[in-house]
Amino acid sequence: MANALNRHEGLSPRAFTAAIVRRDAFGPKAIFRVFVAEVDFRVVGYASFLPGYNSDRAIAELWMLDLWVLPRARRQGLGRALVRAVARETVRRRLTCLEWGVRGDNTRARRFYRRLGARIGDARIASLIGRPLRALARQSGLTATNSRQIDDSTRGE
């Protein structure tokens, strides 16, 4: 399913394998979780998500990575059901924020999300992947340290 979404968005259509999904979504060290939509015992959609942090609001959140329903299964309420499942998981975890990205040119998705009550801002998601990521990591210059606790008495406030 994730590969169908990748093809739809013009990305690598073979990034996911069944083994990768089992390891990363369902394994003992799962990185993300997935809810699926089924019709006649066949998976026709999914929503994947993981914990995150909203630094604008200083709160923990869930971040929805993907929402995808096969074109033949759309307009049946499955997308709404998947987002609702992620929203319920957000509330179950006592979190107050669910966020996700949407492509600026995806007017159908933007309209769908607005009908759910979502606010859609102007933010874009930037990525460093592969060679550009490694190139930046190798560059010399100023360095940052790992995060450490800073109490108010050391800030000079």
C-alpha atoms as a PDB file:
ATOM      1  CA  MET A   1       0.000   0.000   0.000  1.00  0.00           C
ATOM      2  CA  ALA A   2       2.774   2.455   0.861  1.00  0.00           C
ATOM      3  CA  ASN A   3       4.306   1.723  -2.527  1.00  0.00           C
ATOM      4  CA  ALA A   4       0.975   2.573  -4.193  1.00  0.00           C
ATOM      5  CA  LEU A   5       1.083   5.933  -2.409  1.00  0.00           C
ATOM      6  CA  ASN A   6       4.701   6.413  -3.491  1.00  0.00           C
ATOM      7  CA  ARG A   7       3.773   5.723  -7.121  1.00  0.00           C
ATOM      8  CA  HIS A   8       0.855   8.155  -6.833  1.00  0.00           C
ATOM      9  CA  GLU A   9       3.216  10.865  -5.571  1.00  0.00           C
ATOM     10  CA  GLY A  10       5.950  10.147  -8.123  1.00  0.00           C
ATOM     11  CA  LEU A  11       8.353   8.635  -5.574  1.00  0.00           C
ATOM     12  CA  SER A  12      10.275   5.359  -5.588  1.00  0.00           C
ATOM     13  CA  PRO A  13       7.590   2.700  -6.004  1.00  0.00           C
ATOM     14  CA  ARG A  14       9.574  -0.018  -4.239  1.00  0.00           C
ATOM     15  CA  ALA A  15      10.761   1.624  -1.030  1.00  0.00           C
ATOM     16  CA  PHE A  16       8.690  -0.669   1.195  1.00  0.00           C
ATOM     17  CA  THR A  17       8.824  -4.428   1.392  1.00  0.00           C
ATOM     18  CA  ALA A  18       6.662  -6.674   3.552  1.00  0.00           C
ATOM     19  CA  ALA A  19       9.724  -7.393   5.705  1.00  0.00           C
ATOM     20  CA  ILE A  20      10.375  -3.684   6.288  1.00  0.00           C
ATOM     21  CA  VAL A  21       6.761  -3.041   7.265  1.00  0.00           C
ATOM     22  CA  ARG A  22       6.724  -6.030   9.640  1.00  0.00           C
ATOM     23  CA  ARG A  23       9.970  -4.829  11.263  1.00  0.00           C
ATOM     24  CA  ASP A  24       9.237  -1.097  11.469  1.00  0.00           C
ATOM     25  CA  ALA A  25       5.489  -1.133  12.190  1.00  0.00           C
ATOM     26  CA  PHE A  26       4.917  -4.404  14.026  1.00  0.00           C
ATOM     27  CA  GLY A  27       8.295  -5.616  15.302  1.00  0.00           C
ATOM     28  CA  PRO A  28       9.602  -5.499  18.879  1.00  0.00           C
ATOM     29  CA  LYS A  29      11.252  -2.127  18.164  1.00  0.00           C
ATOM     30  CA  ALA A  30       8.422  -0.666  16.075  1.00  0.00           C
ATOM     31  CA  ILE A  31       9.156   2.855  14.879  1.00  0.00           C
ATOM     32  CA  PHE A  32       5.629   3.689  13.763  1.00  0.00           C
ATOM     33  CA  ARG A  33       2.128   2.229  14.021  1.00  0.00           C
ATOM     34  CA  VAL A  34      -0.449   1.524  11.356  1.00  0.00           C
ATOM     35  CA  PHE A  35      -4.224   1.291  11.214  1.00  0.00           C
ATOM     36  CA  VAL A  36      -5.677  -0.418   8.159  1.00  0.00           C
ATOM     37  CA  ALA A  37      -9.037  -0.289   6.385  1.00  0.00           C
ATOM     38  CA  GLU A  38     -10.409  -3.516   4.988  1.00  0.00           C
ATOM     39  CA  VAL A  39     -13.165  -4.296   2.515  1.00  0.00           C
ATOM     40  CA  ASP A  40     -14.092  -7.952   1.993  1.00  0.00           C
ATOM     41  CA  PHE A  41     -11.052  -9.005   4.069  1.00  0.00           C
ATOM     42  CA  ARG A  42      -8.654  -7.099   1.795  1.00  0.00           C
ATOM     43  CA  VAL A  43      -6.586  -4.123   2.942  1.00  0.00           C
ATOM     44  CA  VAL A  44      -7.612  -1.104   0.879  1.00  0.00           C
ATOM     45  CA  GLY A  45      -6.198   1.731   2.971  1.00  0.00           C
ATOM     46  CA  TYR A  46      -3.964   2.659   5.853  1.00  0.00           C
ATOM     47  CA  ALA A  47      -2.902   5.452   8.161  1.00  0.00           C
ATOM     48  CA  SER A  48       0.568   5.379   9.693  1.00  0.00           C
ATOM     49  CA  PHE A  49       1.661   7.537  12.606  1.00  0.00           C
ATOM     50  CA  LEU A  50       4.288   8.026  15.292  1.00  0.00           C
ATOM     51  CA  PRO A  51       4.855  10.133  18.398  1.00  0.00           C
ATOM     52  CA  GLY A  52       6.231  13.606  17.894  1.00  0.00           C
ATOM     53  CA  TYR A  53       6.606  16.956  19.568  1.00  0.00           C
ATOM     54  CA  ASN A  54       5.048  20.260  18.564  1.00  0.00           C
ATOM     55  CA  SER A  55       7.600  22.907  19.520  1.00  0.00           C
ATOM     56  CA  ASP A  56       5.216  25.731  18.520  1.00  0.00           C
ATOM     57  CA  ARG A  57       2.846  24.664  21.274  1.00  0.00           C
ATOM     58  CA  ALA A  58       5.337  22.859  23.571  1.00  0.00           C
ATOM     59  CA  ILE A  59       3.273  19.660  23.617  1.00  0.00           C
ATOM     60  CA  ALA A  60       3.674  16.027  22.667  1.00  0.00           C
ATOM     61  CA  GLU A  61       1.630  14.966  19.655  1.00  0.00           C
ATOM     62  CA  LEU A  62       0.999  12.212  17.166  1.00  0.00           C
ATOM     63  CA  TRP A  63       2.263  12.816  13.648  1.00  0.00           C
ATOM     64  CA  MET A  64       0.359  11.052  10.876  1.00  0.00           C
ATOM     65  CA  LEU A  65       2.914   9.958   8.311  1.00  0.00           C
ATOM     66  CA  ASP A  66       0.575   8.676   5.609  1.00  0.00           C
ATOM     67  CA  LEU A  67      -3.088   8.383   4.813  1.00  0.00           C
ATOM     68  CA  TRP A  68      -3.889   6.341   1.729  1.00  0.00           C
ATOM     69  CA  VAL A  69      -6.995   4.655   0.392  1.00  0.00           C
ATOM     70  CA  LEU A  70      -6.896   2.825  -2.920  1.00  0.00           C
ATOM     71  CA  PRO A  71      -8.775   4.834  -5.578  1.00  0.00           C
ATOM     72  CA  ARG A  72     -11.335   2.044  -6.099  1.00  0.00           C
ATOM     73  CA  ALA A  73     -12.210   2.115  -2.374  1.00  0.00           C
ATOM     74  CA  ARG A  74     -12.606   5.873  -1.967  1.00  0.00           C
ATOM     75  CA  ARG A  75     -15.813   7.768  -1.222  1.00  0.00           C
ATOM     76  CA  GLN A  76     -16.943   5.099   1.269  1.00  0.00           C
ATOM     77  CA  GLY A  77     -15.852   6.880   4.463  1.00  0.00           C
ATOM     78  CA  LEU A  78     -12.662   4.845   4.874  1.00  0.00           C
ATOM     79  CA  GLY A  79     -10.316   7.851   4.913  1.00  0.00           C
ATOM     80  CA  ARG A  80     -12.442   9.510   7.577  1.00  0.00           C
ATOM     81  CA  ALA A  81     -12.498   6.256   9.575  1.00  0.00           C
ATOM     82  CA  LEU A  82      -8.706   5.988   9.414  1.00  0.00           C
ATOM     83  CA  VAL A  83      -8.118   9.588  10.525  1.00  0.00           C
ATOM     84  CA  ARG A  84     -10.725   9.095  13.264  1.00  0.00           C
ATOM     85  CA  ALA A  85      -8.821   6.000  14.462  1.00  0.00           C
ATOM     86  CA  VAL A  86      -5.596   8.019  14.681  1.00  0.00           C
ATOM     87  CA  ALA A  87      -7.477  10.854  16.437  1.00  0.00           C
ATOM     88  CA  ARG A  88      -8.846   8.361  18.964  1.00  0.00           C
ATOM     89  CA  GLU A  89      -5.346   7.002  19.557  1.00  0.00           C
ATOM     90  CA  THR A  90      -4.135  10.581  20.095  1.00  0.00           C
ATOM     91  CA  VAL A  91      -6.832  11.168  22.723  1.00  0.00           C
ATOM     92  CA  ARG A  92      -6.272   7.715  24.282  1.00  0.00           C
ATOM     93  CA  ARG A  93      -2.646   8.720  24.859  1.00  0.00           C
ATOM     94  CA  ARG A  94      -3.893  11.924  26.508  1.00  0.00           C
ATOM     95  CA  LEU A  95      -2.342  14.061  23.768  1.00  0.00           C
ATOM     96  CA  THR A  96      -4.019  17.179  22.450  1.00  0.00           C
ATOM     97  CA  CYS A  97      -2.485  17.490  18.989  1.00  0.00           C
ATOM     98  CA  LEU A  98      -2.554  15.398  15.816  1.00  0.00           C
ATOM     99  CA  GLU A  99      -0.634  16.799  12.872  1.00  0.00           C
ATOM    100  CA  TRP A 100       0.294  15.714   9.357  1.00  0.00           C
ATOM    101  CA  GLY A 101       1.545  17.170   6.127  1.00  0.00           C
ATOM    102  CA  VAL A 102      -0.401  17.608   2.909  1.00  0.00           C
ATOM    103  CA  ARG A 103       0.969  18.566  -0.471  1.00  0.00           C
ATOM    104  CA  GLY A 104       0.017  22.076  -1.522  1.00  0.00           C
ATOM    105  CA  ASP A 105      -1.220  20.876  -4.905  1.00  0.00           C
ATOM    106  CA  ASN A 106      -3.407  18.105  -3.464  1.00  0.00           C
ATOM    107  CA  THR A 107      -6.652  20.074  -3.451  1.00  0.00           C
ATOM    108  CA  ARG A 108      -8.861  17.004  -2.883  1.00  0.00           C
ATOM    109  CA  ALA A 109      -6.925  16.046   0.247  1.00  0.00           C
ATOM    110  CA  ARG A 110      -6.908  19.625   1.517  1.00  0.00           C
ATOM    111  CA  ARG A 111     -10.686  19.853   1.051  1.00  0.00           C
ATOM    112  CA  PHE A 112     -11.140  16.473   2.796  1.00  0.00           C
ATOM    113  CA  TYR A 113      -9.002  17.537   5.773  1.00  0.00           C
ATOM    114  CA  ARG A 114     -10.858  20.838   6.111  1.00  0.00           C
ATOM    115  CA  ARG A 115     -14.171  18.912   6.232  1.00  0.00           C
ATOM    116  CA  LEU A 116     -12.708  16.968   9.169  1.00  0.00           C
ATOM    117  CA  GLY A 117     -12.084  20.278  10.954  1.00  0.00           C
ATOM    118  CA  ALA A 118      -8.340  20.518  10.301  1.00  0.00           C
ATOM    119  CA  ARG A 119      -6.590  23.843   9.870  1.00  0.00           C
ATOM    120  CA  ILE A 120      -4.109  23.843   7.027  1.00  0.00           C
ATOM    121  CA  GLY A 121      -1.226  26.286   7.288  1.00  0.00           C
ATOM    122  CA  ASP A 122       1.475  27.294   4.858  1.00  0.00           C
ATOM    123  CA  ALA A 123       4.284  25.143   6.284  1.00  0.00           C
ATOM    124  CA  ARG A 124       6.189  22.843   3.937  1.00  0.00           C
ATOM    125  CA  ILE A 125       8.153  19.771   4.887  1.00  0.00           C
ATOM    126  CA  ALA A 126      11.843  19.883   3.974  1.00  0.00           C
ATOM    127  CA  SER A 127      13.968  16.728   3.680  1.00  0.00           C
ATOM    128  CA  LEU A 128      17.611  15.770   3.496  1.00  0.00           C
ATOM    129  CA  ILE A 129      17.849  12.246   2.086  1.00  0.00           C
ATOM    130  CA  GLY A 130      20.817  10.143   1.036  1.00  0.00           C
ATOM    131  CA  ARG A 131      23.787  11.967  -0.504  1.00  0.00           C
ATOM    132  CA  PRO A 132      22.743  15.525   0.551  1.00  0.00           C
ATOM    133  CA  LEU A 133      22.247  14.316   4.136  1.00  0.00           C
ATOM    134  CA  ARG A 134      25.663  12.655   4.250  1.00  0.00           C
ATOM    135  CA  ALA A 135      27.343  15.646   2.601  1.00  0.00           C
ATOM    136  CA  LEU A 136      25.964  18.075   5.177  1.00  0.00           C
ATOM    137  CA  ALA A 137      26.873  15.744   8.045  1.00  0.00           C
ATOM    138  CA  ARG A 138      30.506  15.594   6.808  1.00  0.00           C
ATOM    139  CA  GLN A 139      30.927  19.370   6.572  1.00  0.00           C
ATOM    140  CA  SER A 140      33.214  21.052   9.066  1.00  0.00           C
ATOM    141  CA  GLY A 141      32.425  24.209  10.967  1.00  0.00           C
ATOM    142  CA  LEU A 142      30.555  25.060  14.137  1.00  0.00           C
ATOM    143  CA  THR A 143      29.144  22.040  15.936  1.00  0.00           C
ATOM    144  CA  ALA A 144      26.117  21.544  18.133  1.00  0.00           C
ATOM    145  CA  THR A 145      26.140  19.456  21.287  1.00  0.00           C
ATOM    146  CA  ASN A 146      23.621  16.913  22.476  1.00  0.00           C
ATOM    147  CA  SER A 147      20.706  18.380  24.354  1.00  0.00           C
ATOM    148  CA  ARG A 148      21.177  18.806  28.050  1.00  0.00           C
ATOM    149  CA  GLN A 149      19.026  20.206  30.774  1.00  0.00           C
ATOM    150  CA  ILE A 150      19.473  23.910  31.347  1.00  0.00           C
ATOM    151  CA  ASP A 151      17.888  25.281  34.466  1.00  0.00           C
ATOM    152  CA  ASP A 152      16.921  28.910  34.818  1.00  0.00           C
ATOM    153  CA  SER A 153      19.807  29.670  37.182  1.00  0.00           C
ATOM    154  CA  THR A 154      22.391  28.988  34.440  1.00  0.00           C
ATOM    155  CA  ARG A 155      20.692  31.096  31.783  1.00  0.00           C
ATOM    156  CA  GLY A 156      21.372  34.446  33.376  1.00  0.00           C
ATOM    157  CA  GLU A 157      17.691  35.321  33.295  1.00  0.00           C
END
